[in-house]
Each structure stands twice: as C-alpha cells, then as structure tokens.
Amino acid sequence: MSEYVYPPVIKAAKGMFRLLNITFRLEGTDRIPATGGAVLVSNHVSYLDFIFAGLGAHPAGRLVRFMAKKEIFDNKIAGPLMRGMHHIPVDRNAGASSYAAALKALRGGEVIGVFAEATISRSFTVKEIKSGAVRMAVAANVPLVPVALWGPQRLWTKGRKRRLLQRGVPVTILVGEPLYPKRGDDYEAVTAELHARMSELLEKAQREYPDTPAPEESWWQPAYLGGSAPTPEEAAKLDAEEAQARAAARAAREAAKAEQAAKIPPTAAVEDAKE
C-alpha cells in the first residue's frame, strides 16, 4: 500500500504540536503489536481524537486506519487527505461495506482505529459502546487494544469553539492491555470488559492530568471531578435532543426535495434528463 500522504501529514502535525508547545504523556505504547492486525478502540472527547489516538501507535511503527463517518470524506479538503491515508468511510445506511473493508484491512495486517462510542462524549466519561469492535476482532482473529485520550477536548470538542492555536495543552494517551476475544465468547460480556478497561484508563488519565481548570474553564473537567461538564445522564438527554433535531431537519430536507420534484412537469423532467 502506497503511503504518499500519511507520513507527511504526521510530520506536519508533529511540527504544529512543537510550535504550540503541546506536551504528551504516552504510556503502554508497547502494547500495540509491531506487526499484524489489531483493533484499536479509543474513547472520544474531541474532533481531533483520530490524530492523537494514531499518535499512540507511532512508537510501534504503525499507521492506524480509522473508521470515520462518510461526511468527512465528502469534505473537499478533508476528504482527499482521509482517502490518501487509507482511512475507512462509514455510511450508517450501508454499514456492511465499511465492515467488510475493515475486515479486509485487518486480515491484511493493518491496525484499524474505532471510536466505539460513535459520537463525542459530552460528559467526558465513556459512553455505552456496541459489540461491533469485538465482533470485528473475532472475525479477523486479532487483538482488541483499549486506548484513553485526555486533553484534546480543550482544543476542539462538541458545543465549544475551536481553540486549535491554544498553547501548552498537555495531552495524555494511555494504551491498555489487549483483549483476545475468540469465537464462542459472550460478545456482550467482552464488550463490557472493554468498556470497563477504557473507563479505568480514562479515569487514570483524568485524575493524573497535570492541569486543573480555572473556574471559568471547568467545562472541560468531568462532573465527578468537580467540573461543570454534563453528567452522563444530562449528556444522554442532550444527545437525544440533538438526534431528534437532526432527524427533523433531515425530514424537512426530504420533504422540500419531494415538493420541488412534484413541481416539475413530467415532460420537463424527461427533457432535463436528456440534457
């Protein structure tokens, strides 16, 4: 597989980190296999997580292929970069093709990155995760590697303005002990164990983080540590409201399209198709 895009992107990102004096704490990177396939499962606190989760695999000499929503690939700037780095688009209306592409990559010895929470956690705790990552690891006969990220939420997260040029932000990347699920296992039980390991890693990262937020910055600290981030229950309610709003907007767009189509006379539609 040609790598004309990924290495320059990594080099540019590391240069930016140095300019912004972003400091890193990396632990457990030796737990990422140096060869062969693996499913790297990270928590999700920011829009930049794929950069930092991928950084955790660099000491092992691995490039992580992340599964990311299709809309990112449709972006005229991000799209070519994502395709050039051989990340995998996920179309939620056609998930089978994404799953097949990930399995093929895993069986070819690639590391696949998954954000099993699907969306950013507003509470900065690990949300409920599905068993898809476990099933993928079993199907490809590869290990599951839990990862916890902390710090990137201060740069760009859901509901907050981007602060990409903020200087001196510490970023913690902790890699946990791999799991080795196999056929015949209780996938839900393995998923629960994966969730527990991710939560333990994240709590460790949060409790040992070198910065404490000022009162006006307490939004980036989870509620259980005294921050003003939503509790998991409050975050779930906000997520549900957002999902409802998106569904309503989508329905309105579809209705507008249908109304517009109904206004076009059949003969005009045929002529437009000929042109």
C-alpha atoms as a PDB file:
ATOM      1  CA  MET A   1       0.000   0.000   0.000  1.00  0.00           C
ATOM      2  CA  SER A   2       1.490   3.333  -1.071  1.00  0.00           C
ATOM      3  CA  GLU A   3       1.978   5.909   1.694  1.00  0.00           C
ATOM      4  CA  TYR A   4       2.433   9.253  -0.026  1.00  0.00           C
ATOM      5  CA  VAL A   5       0.045  11.162   2.237  1.00  0.00           C
ATOM      6  CA  TYR A   6       0.142   9.742   5.761  1.00  0.00           C
ATOM      7  CA  PRO A   7       3.848  10.309   6.633  1.00  0.00           C
ATOM      8  CA  PRO A   8       3.836  13.994   5.539  1.00  0.00           C
ATOM      9  CA  VAL A   9       0.601  14.581   7.496  1.00  0.00           C
ATOM     10  CA  ILE A  10       2.198  13.076  10.616  1.00  0.00           C
ATOM     11  CA  LYS A  11       5.311  15.197  10.165  1.00  0.00           C
ATOM     12  CA  ALA A  12       3.225  18.357   9.759  1.00  0.00           C
ATOM     13  CA  ALA A  13       1.124  17.515  12.832  1.00  0.00           C
ATOM     14  CA  LYS A  14       4.181  16.933  14.990  1.00  0.00           C
ATOM     15  CA  GLY A  15       5.653  20.222  13.808  1.00  0.00           C
ATOM     16  CA  MET A  16       2.451  22.013  14.808  1.00  0.00           C
ATOM     17  CA  PHE A  17       2.500  20.315  18.215  1.00  0.00           C
ATOM     18  CA  ARG A  18       6.026  21.607  18.805  1.00  0.00           C
ATOM     19  CA  LEU A  19       5.063  25.149  17.775  1.00  0.00           C
ATOM     20  CA  LEU A  20       2.098  25.096  20.150  1.00  0.00           C
ATOM     21  CA  ASN A  21       4.165  23.539  22.936  1.00  0.00           C
ATOM     22  CA  ILE A  22       1.722  20.659  23.299  1.00  0.00           C
ATOM     23  CA  THR A  23       3.230  18.167  25.721  1.00  0.00           C
ATOM     24  CA  PHE A  24       2.479  14.449  25.660  1.00  0.00           C
ATOM     25  CA  ARG A  25       2.268  11.671  28.180  1.00  0.00           C
ATOM     26  CA  LEU A  26       2.285   8.327  26.396  1.00  0.00           C
ATOM     27  CA  GLU A  27       2.072   5.068  28.319  1.00  0.00           C
ATOM     28  CA  GLY A  28       1.642   1.473  27.233  1.00  0.00           C
ATOM     29  CA  THR A  29       2.538   2.046  23.596  1.00  0.00           C
ATOM     30  CA  ASP A  30       4.477  -1.231  23.647  1.00  0.00           C
ATOM     31  CA  ARG A  31       1.113  -2.992  23.949  1.00  0.00           C
ATOM     32  CA  ILE A  32       0.319  -2.176  20.324  1.00  0.00           C
ATOM     33  CA  PRO A  33       1.593  -5.089  18.205  1.00  0.00           C
ATOM     34  CA  ALA A  34       4.513  -4.217  15.940  1.00  0.00           C
ATOM     35  CA  THR A  35       3.139  -6.478  13.213  1.00  0.00           C
ATOM     36  CA  GLY A  36      -0.212  -7.957  12.259  1.00  0.00           C
ATOM     37  CA  GLY A  37      -3.722  -6.700  12.555  1.00  0.00           C
ATOM     38  CA  ALA A  38      -5.308  -5.148  15.643  1.00  0.00           C
ATOM     39  CA  VAL A  39      -8.433  -3.177  16.527  1.00  0.00           C
ATOM     40  CA  LEU A  40      -7.539  -0.031  18.450  1.00  0.00           C
ATOM     41  CA  VAL A  41     -10.588   1.181  20.425  1.00  0.00           C
ATOM     42  CA  SER A  42     -10.408   4.722  21.803  1.00  0.00           C
ATOM     43  CA  ASN A  43     -12.686   6.933  23.843  1.00  0.00           C
ATOM     44  CA  HIS A  44     -13.975  10.036  22.078  1.00  0.00           C
ATOM     45  CA  VAL A  45     -13.646  13.515  23.633  1.00  0.00           C
ATOM     46  CA  SER A  46     -12.800  15.759  20.668  1.00  0.00           C
ATOM     47  CA  TYR A  47     -12.851  16.198  16.906  1.00  0.00           C
ATOM     48  CA  LEU A  48      -9.071  15.684  16.901  1.00  0.00           C
ATOM     49  CA  ASP A  49      -9.022  12.270  18.554  1.00  0.00           C
ATOM     50  CA  PHE A  50      -8.005  10.350  15.445  1.00  0.00           C
ATOM     51  CA  ILE A  51      -4.771  12.367  15.358  1.00  0.00           C
ATOM     52  CA  PHE A  52      -3.884  11.662  18.973  1.00  0.00           C
ATOM     53  CA  ALA A  53      -5.058   8.045  19.051  1.00  0.00           C
ATOM     54  CA  GLY A  54      -2.974   7.452  15.933  1.00  0.00           C
ATOM     55  CA  LEU A  55      -0.006   9.075  17.630  1.00  0.00           C
ATOM     56  CA  GLY A  56      -0.137   6.370  20.292  1.00  0.00           C
ATOM     57  CA  ALA A  57       0.713   3.775  17.635  1.00  0.00           C
ATOM     58  CA  HIS A  58       3.733   5.605  16.213  1.00  0.00           C
ATOM     59  CA  PRO A  59       6.285   4.173  18.709  1.00  0.00           C
ATOM     60  CA  ALA A  60       5.314   0.723  17.402  1.00  0.00           C
ATOM     61  CA  GLY A  61       5.866   1.948  13.848  1.00  0.00           C
ATOM     62  CA  ARG A  62       2.193   1.523  12.944  1.00  0.00           C
ATOM     63  CA  LEU A  63      -0.171   3.663  10.892  1.00  0.00           C
ATOM     64  CA  VAL A  64      -3.761   3.427  12.092  1.00  0.00           C
ATOM     65  CA  ARG A  65      -6.625   3.299   9.582  1.00  0.00           C
ATOM     66  CA  PHE A  66      -9.589   4.917  11.287  1.00  0.00           C
ATOM     67  CA  MET A  67     -13.228   4.219  10.605  1.00  0.00           C
ATOM     68  CA  ALA A  68     -14.886   7.633  10.266  1.00  0.00           C
ATOM     69  CA  LYS A  69     -18.258   8.894   9.131  1.00  0.00           C
ATOM     70  CA  LYS A  70     -18.703   9.278   5.396  1.00  0.00           C
ATOM     71  CA  GLU A  71     -19.431  13.021   5.673  1.00  0.00           C
ATOM     72  CA  ILE A  72     -15.775  13.708   6.483  1.00  0.00           C
ATOM     73  CA  PHE A  73     -14.733  12.029   3.232  1.00  0.00           C
ATOM     74  CA  ASP A  74     -17.213  14.206   1.356  1.00  0.00           C
ATOM     75  CA  ASN A  75     -15.439  17.362   2.527  1.00  0.00           C
ATOM     76  CA  LYS A  76     -13.382  18.897  -0.298  1.00  0.00           C
ATOM     77  CA  ILE A  77     -10.360  19.447   1.962  1.00  0.00           C
ATOM     78  CA  ALA A  78     -10.503  16.617   4.493  1.00  0.00           C
ATOM     79  CA  GLY A  79     -11.786  14.044   2.003  1.00  0.00           C
ATOM     80  CA  PRO A  80      -8.644  13.707  -0.155  1.00  0.00           C
ATOM     81  CA  LEU A  81      -6.482  13.538   2.987  1.00  0.00           C
ATOM     82  CA  MET A  82      -8.646  10.835   4.557  1.00  0.00           C
ATOM     83  CA  ARG A  83      -8.597   8.763   1.390  1.00  0.00           C
ATOM     84  CA  GLY A  84      -4.870   9.323   0.949  1.00  0.00           C
ATOM     85  CA  MET A  85      -4.272   7.981   4.467  1.00  0.00           C
ATOM     86  CA  HIS A  86      -6.460   4.953   3.622  1.00  0.00           C
ATOM     87  CA  HIS A  87      -8.980   5.579   6.384  1.00  0.00           C
ATOM     88  CA  ILE A  88     -12.323   3.821   6.022  1.00  0.00           C
ATOM     89  CA  PRO A  89     -15.579   5.747   5.385  1.00  0.00           C
ATOM     90  CA  VAL A  90     -18.615   4.627   7.359  1.00  0.00           C
ATOM     91  CA  ASP A  91     -22.008   5.119   5.767  1.00  0.00           C
ATOM     92  CA  ARG A  92     -24.549   4.461   8.502  1.00  0.00           C
ATOM     93  CA  ASN A  93     -27.086   3.494   5.845  1.00  0.00           C
ATOM     94  CA  ALA A  94     -24.728   0.925   4.332  1.00  0.00           C
ATOM     95  CA  GLY A  95     -22.591  -0.322   7.193  1.00  0.00           C
ATOM     96  CA  ALA A  96     -21.881  -3.738   5.669  1.00  0.00           C
ATOM     97  CA  SER A  97     -19.424  -2.327   3.112  1.00  0.00           C
ATOM     98  CA  SER A  98     -17.483  -0.449   5.812  1.00  0.00           C
ATOM     99  CA  TYR A  99     -17.313  -3.574   7.965  1.00  0.00           C
ATOM    100  CA  ALA A 100     -16.085  -5.626   5.004  1.00  0.00           C
ATOM    101  CA  ALA A 101     -13.396  -3.042   4.197  1.00  0.00           C
ATOM    102  CA  ALA A 102     -12.209  -3.039   7.825  1.00  0.00           C
ATOM    103  CA  LEU A 103     -12.043  -6.843   7.923  1.00  0.00           C
ATOM    104  CA  LYS A 104     -10.039  -6.935   4.715  1.00  0.00           C
ATOM    105  CA  ALA A 105      -7.571  -4.417   6.141  1.00  0.00           C
ATOM    106  CA  LEU A 106      -7.281  -6.326   9.437  1.00  0.00           C
ATOM    107  CA  ARG A 107      -6.626  -9.594   7.649  1.00  0.00           C
ATOM    108  CA  GLY A 108      -4.003  -7.769   5.610  1.00  0.00           C
ATOM    109  CA  GLY A 109      -2.158  -6.865   8.812  1.00  0.00           C
ATOM    110  CA  GLU A 110      -3.428  -3.305   9.334  1.00  0.00           C
ATOM    111  CA  VAL A 111      -4.338  -1.583  12.601  1.00  0.00           C
ATOM    112  CA  ILE A 112      -7.925  -0.326  12.488  1.00  0.00           C
ATOM    113  CA  GLY A 113      -8.980   2.550  14.748  1.00  0.00           C
ATOM    114  CA  VAL A 114     -12.529   2.606  16.127  1.00  0.00           C
ATOM    115  CA  PHE A 115     -14.401   5.130  18.257  1.00  0.00           C
ATOM    116  CA  ALA A 116     -16.906   2.668  19.672  1.00  0.00           C
ATOM    117  CA  GLU A 117     -18.973   5.380  21.388  1.00  0.00           C
ATOM    118  CA  ALA A 118     -19.837   6.572  17.847  1.00  0.00           C
ATOM    119  CA  THR A 119     -20.084  10.230  18.908  1.00  0.00           C
ATOM    120  CA  ILE A 120     -18.144  12.562  21.187  1.00  0.00           C
ATOM    121  CA  SER A 121     -18.919  12.121  24.871  1.00  0.00           C
ATOM    122  CA  ARG A 122     -20.197  15.411  26.288  1.00  0.00           C
ATOM    123  CA  SER A 123     -19.740  14.113  29.844  1.00  0.00           C
ATOM    124  CA  PHE A 124     -16.097  13.134  29.179  1.00  0.00           C
ATOM    125  CA  THR A 125     -16.813   9.665  30.525  1.00  0.00           C
ATOM    126  CA  VAL A 126     -17.007   6.536  28.359  1.00  0.00           C
ATOM    127  CA  LYS A 127     -20.477   6.219  26.869  1.00  0.00           C
ATOM    128  CA  GLU A 128     -22.214   2.943  26.101  1.00  0.00           C
ATOM    129  CA  ILE A 129     -20.397   1.019  23.375  1.00  0.00           C
ATOM    130  CA  LYS A 130     -21.688  -1.610  20.973  1.00  0.00           C
ATOM    131  CA  SER A 131     -20.188  -5.029  20.321  1.00  0.00           C
ATOM    132  CA  GLY A 132     -19.107  -4.233  16.744  1.00  0.00           C
ATOM    133  CA  ALA A 133     -15.420  -3.797  17.618  1.00  0.00           C
ATOM    134  CA  VAL A 134     -15.396  -7.144  19.441  1.00  0.00           C
ATOM    135  CA  ARG A 135     -17.095  -8.932  16.555  1.00  0.00           C
ATOM    136  CA  MET A 136     -14.626  -7.399  14.130  1.00  0.00           C
ATOM    137  CA  ALA A 137     -11.638  -8.552  16.189  1.00  0.00           C
ATOM    138  CA  VAL A 138     -13.061 -12.072  16.448  1.00  0.00           C
ATOM    139  CA  ALA A 139     -13.808 -12.284  12.714  1.00  0.00           C
ATOM    140  CA  ALA A 140     -10.249 -11.217  11.841  1.00  0.00           C
ATOM    141  CA  ASN A 141      -8.643 -13.124  14.752  1.00  0.00           C
ATOM    142  CA  VAL A 142      -6.795 -10.045  16.035  1.00  0.00           C
ATOM    143  CA  PRO A 143      -6.457  -8.384  19.464  1.00  0.00           C
ATOM    144  CA  LEU A 144      -8.521  -5.506  20.819  1.00  0.00           C
ATOM    145  CA  VAL A 145      -6.418  -2.674  22.238  1.00  0.00           C
ATOM    146  CA  PRO A 146      -8.154  -0.121  24.522  1.00  0.00           C
ATOM    147  CA  VAL A 147      -6.930   3.486  24.447  1.00  0.00           C
ATOM    148  CA  ALA A 148      -7.781   6.511  26.590  1.00  0.00           C
ATOM    149  CA  LEU A 149      -7.287  10.116  25.481  1.00  0.00           C
ATOM    150  CA  TRP A 150      -7.446  13.186  27.695  1.00  0.00           C
ATOM    151  CA  GLY A 151      -6.639  16.810  26.902  1.00  0.00           C
ATOM    152  CA  PRO A 152      -7.749  17.168  23.248  1.00  0.00           C
ATOM    153  CA  GLN A 153     -11.222  18.308  24.398  1.00  0.00           C
ATOM    154  CA  ARG A 154      -9.605  21.609  25.386  1.00  0.00           C
ATOM    155  CA  LEU A 155      -8.709  22.248  21.734  1.00  0.00           C
ATOM    156  CA  TRP A 156     -11.960  21.335  19.970  1.00  0.00           C
ATOM    157  CA  THR A 157     -14.976  19.454  21.228  1.00  0.00           C
ATOM    158  CA  LYS A 158     -18.709  19.336  20.742  1.00  0.00           C
ATOM    159  CA  GLY A 159     -20.523  22.511  21.708  1.00  0.00           C
ATOM    160  CA  ARG A 160     -17.343  24.589  22.102  1.00  0.00           C
ATOM    161  CA  LYS A 161     -15.451  26.930  19.806  1.00  0.00           C
ATOM    162  CA  ARG A 162     -12.278  25.642  18.226  1.00  0.00           C
ATOM    163  CA  ARG A 163      -9.139  26.710  20.051  1.00  0.00           C
ATOM    164  CA  LEU A 164      -6.641  24.961  17.815  1.00  0.00           C
ATOM    165  CA  LEU A 165      -3.913  27.539  18.436  1.00  0.00           C
ATOM    166  CA  GLN A 166      -4.083  27.304  22.221  1.00  0.00           C
ATOM    167  CA  ARG A 167      -0.587  26.793  23.560  1.00  0.00           C
ATOM    168  CA  GLY A 168       0.780  24.496  26.237  1.00  0.00           C
ATOM    169  CA  VAL A 169      -2.076  21.996  26.434  1.00  0.00           C
ATOM    170  CA  PRO A 170      -0.978  18.633  27.873  1.00  0.00           C
ATOM    171  CA  VAL A 171      -2.324  15.544  26.086  1.00  0.00           C
ATOM    172  CA  THR A 172      -2.441  12.130  27.725  1.00  0.00           C
ATOM    173  CA  ILE A 173      -2.519   8.924  25.675  1.00  0.00           C
ATOM    174  CA  LEU A 174      -2.776   5.667  27.637  1.00  0.00           C
ATOM    175  CA  VAL A 175      -2.784   2.252  25.960  1.00  0.00           C
ATOM    176  CA  GLY A 176      -4.232  -0.635  27.933  1.00  0.00           C
ATOM    177  CA  GLU A 177      -3.695  -4.375  27.991  1.00  0.00           C
ATOM    178  CA  PRO A 178      -5.073  -6.035  24.848  1.00  0.00           C
ATOM    179  CA  LEU A 179      -8.053  -8.370  24.911  1.00  0.00           C
ATOM    180  CA  TYR A 180      -8.059 -11.504  22.772  1.00  0.00           C
ATOM    181  CA  PRO A 181     -11.705 -12.419  22.130  1.00  0.00           C
ATOM    182  CA  LYS A 182     -12.449 -15.612  20.244  1.00  0.00           C
ATOM    183  CA  ARG A 183     -15.381 -17.357  18.631  1.00  0.00           C
ATOM    184  CA  GLY A 184     -17.781 -18.737  21.181  1.00  0.00           C
ATOM    185  CA  ASP A 185     -17.183 -15.944  23.684  1.00  0.00           C
ATOM    186  CA  ASP A 186     -20.055 -13.908  25.063  1.00  0.00           C
ATOM    187  CA  TYR A 187     -19.569 -10.795  22.920  1.00  0.00           C
ATOM    188  CA  GLU A 188     -21.633  -8.617  25.232  1.00  0.00           C
ATOM    189  CA  ALA A 189     -19.510  -9.695  28.202  1.00  0.00           C
ATOM    190  CA  VAL A 190     -16.296  -8.943  26.288  1.00  0.00           C
ATOM    191  CA  THR A 191     -17.733  -5.547  25.295  1.00  0.00           C
ATOM    192  CA  ALA A 192     -18.500  -4.834  28.955  1.00  0.00           C
ATOM    193  CA  GLU A 193     -14.913  -5.732  29.862  1.00  0.00           C
ATOM    194  CA  LEU A 194     -13.617  -3.467  27.090  1.00  0.00           C
ATOM    195  CA  HIS A 195     -15.808  -0.630  28.399  1.00  0.00           C
ATOM    196  CA  ALA A 196     -14.509  -1.191  31.936  1.00  0.00           C
ATOM    197  CA  ARG A 197     -10.874  -1.102  30.795  1.00  0.00           C
ATOM    198  CA  MET A 198     -11.414   2.052  28.754  1.00  0.00           C
ATOM    199  CA  SER A 199     -13.169   3.717  31.698  1.00  0.00           C
ATOM    200  CA  GLU A 200     -10.365   2.746  34.071  1.00  0.00           C
ATOM    201  CA  LEU A 201      -7.730   4.118  31.709  1.00  0.00           C
ATOM    202  CA  LEU A 202      -9.671   7.350  31.188  1.00  0.00           C
ATOM    203  CA  GLU A 203     -10.165   7.903  34.919  1.00  0.00           C
ATOM    204  CA  LYS A 204      -6.439   7.370  35.462  1.00  0.00           C
ATOM    205  CA  ALA A 205      -5.659   9.914  32.729  1.00  0.00           C
ATOM    206  CA  GLN A 206      -8.089  12.423  34.225  1.00  0.00           C
ATOM    207  CA  ARG A 207      -7.000  12.050  37.842  1.00  0.00           C
ATOM    208  CA  GLU A 208      -3.310  12.256  36.955  1.00  0.00           C
ATOM    209  CA  TYR A 209      -3.638  15.098  34.444  1.00  0.00           C
ATOM    210  CA  PRO A 210      -1.124  17.871  35.220  1.00  0.00           C
ATOM    211  CA  ASP A 211      -3.541  20.797  34.717  1.00  0.00           C
ATOM    212  CA  THR A 212      -6.508  21.847  36.843  1.00  0.00           C
ATOM    213  CA  PRO A 213      -9.065  24.093  35.146  1.00  0.00           C
ATOM    214  CA  ALA A 214      -9.688  27.626  36.334  1.00  0.00           C
ATOM    215  CA  PRO A 215     -13.316  28.219  37.428  1.00  0.00           C
ATOM    216  CA  GLU A 216     -14.244  29.706  34.029  1.00  0.00           C
ATOM    217  CA  GLU A 217     -12.663  26.702  32.293  1.00  0.00           C
ATOM    218  CA  SER A 218     -14.300  23.986  34.384  1.00  0.00           C
ATOM    219  CA  TRP A 219     -16.376  22.898  31.361  1.00  0.00           C
ATOM    220  CA  TRP A 220     -13.563  20.562  30.251  1.00  0.00           C
ATOM    221  CA  GLN A 221     -13.498  18.696  33.562  1.00  0.00           C
ATOM    222  CA  PRO A 222     -15.978  15.834  34.160  1.00  0.00           C
ATOM    223  CA  ALA A 223     -18.644  16.356  36.784  1.00  0.00           C
ATOM    224  CA  TYR A 224     -17.360  13.551  39.030  1.00  0.00           C
ATOM    225  CA  LEU A 225     -14.107  15.515  39.455  1.00  0.00           C
ATOM    226  CA  GLY A 226     -15.939  18.738  40.250  1.00  0.00           C
ATOM    227  CA  GLY A 227     -16.101  20.100  36.703  1.00  0.00           C
ATOM    228  CA  SER A 228     -19.110  21.642  35.002  1.00  0.00           C
ATOM    229  CA  ALA A 229     -19.295  19.163  32.105  1.00  0.00           C
ATOM    230  CA  PRO A 230     -22.717  17.488  31.879  1.00  0.00           C
ATOM    231  CA  THR A 231     -23.247  14.335  33.897  1.00  0.00           C
ATOM    232  CA  PRO A 232     -23.669  11.153  31.828  1.00  0.00           C
ATOM    233  CA  GLU A 233     -27.442  11.415  32.317  1.00  0.00           C
ATOM    234  CA  GLU A 234     -27.529  15.067  31.240  1.00  0.00           C
ATOM    235  CA  ALA A 235     -25.285  14.273  28.267  1.00  0.00           C
ATOM    236  CA  ALA A 236     -27.585  11.438  27.174  1.00  0.00           C
ATOM    237  CA  LYS A 237     -30.532  13.821  27.207  1.00  0.00           C
ATOM    238  CA  LEU A 238     -28.611  16.378  25.131  1.00  0.00           C
ATOM    239  CA  ASP A 239     -27.615  13.666  22.642  1.00  0.00           C
ATOM    240  CA  ALA A 240     -31.239  12.551  22.303  1.00  0.00           C
ATOM    241  CA  GLU A 241     -32.389  16.113  21.690  1.00  0.00           C
ATOM    242  CA  GLU A 242     -29.675  16.595  19.075  1.00  0.00           C
ATOM    243  CA  ALA A 243     -30.641  13.349  17.330  1.00  0.00           C
ATOM    244  CA  GLN A 244     -34.293  14.449  17.234  1.00  0.00           C
ATOM    245  CA  ALA A 245     -33.353  17.838  15.788  1.00  0.00           C
ATOM    246  CA  ARG A 246     -31.222  16.202  13.099  1.00  0.00           C
ATOM    247  CA  ALA A 247     -33.992  13.777  12.203  1.00  0.00           C
ATOM    248  CA  ALA A 248     -36.459  16.661  11.919  1.00  0.00           C
ATOM    249  CA  ALA A 249     -34.059  18.644   9.724  1.00  0.00           C
ATOM    250  CA  ARG A 250     -33.457  15.603   7.528  1.00  0.00           C
ATOM    251  CA  ALA A 251     -37.188  15.026   7.158  1.00  0.00           C
ATOM    252  CA  ALA A 252     -37.685  18.685   6.245  1.00  0.00           C
ATOM    253  CA  ARG A 253     -34.995  18.464   3.557  1.00  0.00           C
ATOM    254  CA  GLU A 254     -36.543  15.325   2.101  1.00  0.00           C
ATOM    255  CA  ALA A 255     -39.974  16.949   2.104  1.00  0.00           C
ATOM    256  CA  ALA A 256     -38.582  20.023   0.348  1.00  0.00           C
ATOM    257  CA  LYS A 257     -36.955  17.817  -2.304  1.00  0.00           C
ATOM    258  CA  ALA A 258     -40.189  15.925  -2.849  1.00  0.00           C
ATOM    259  CA  GLU A 259     -42.151  19.152  -3.127  1.00  0.00           C
ATOM    260  CA  GLN A 260     -39.675  20.538  -5.645  1.00  0.00           C
ATOM    261  CA  ALA A 261     -39.809  17.340  -7.701  1.00  0.00           C
ATOM    262  CA  ALA A 262     -43.596  17.474  -7.722  1.00  0.00           C
ATOM    263  CA  LYS A 263     -43.499  20.973  -9.225  1.00  0.00           C
ATOM    264  CA  ILE A 264     -41.532  19.813 -12.293  1.00  0.00           C
ATOM    265  CA  PRO A 265     -43.860  18.689 -15.109  1.00  0.00           C
ATOM    266  CA  PRO A 266     -43.134  15.126 -16.294  1.00  0.00           C
ATOM    267  CA  THR A 267     -42.203  16.310 -19.790  1.00  0.00           C
ATOM    268  CA  ALA A 268     -39.757  18.859 -18.381  1.00  0.00           C
ATOM    269  CA  ALA A 269     -38.175  16.186 -16.213  1.00  0.00           C
ATOM    270  CA  VAL A 270     -37.646  13.970 -19.297  1.00  0.00           C
ATOM    271  CA  GLU A 271     -36.078  16.831 -21.236  1.00  0.00           C
ATOM    272  CA  ASP A 272     -33.779  17.629 -18.283  1.00  0.00           C
ATOM    273  CA  ALA A 273     -32.686  14.010 -18.168  1.00  0.00           C
ATOM    274  CA  LYS A 274     -31.866  14.063 -21.908  1.00  0.00           C
ATOM    275  CA  GLU A 275     -29.678  17.106 -21.458  1.00  0.00           C
END
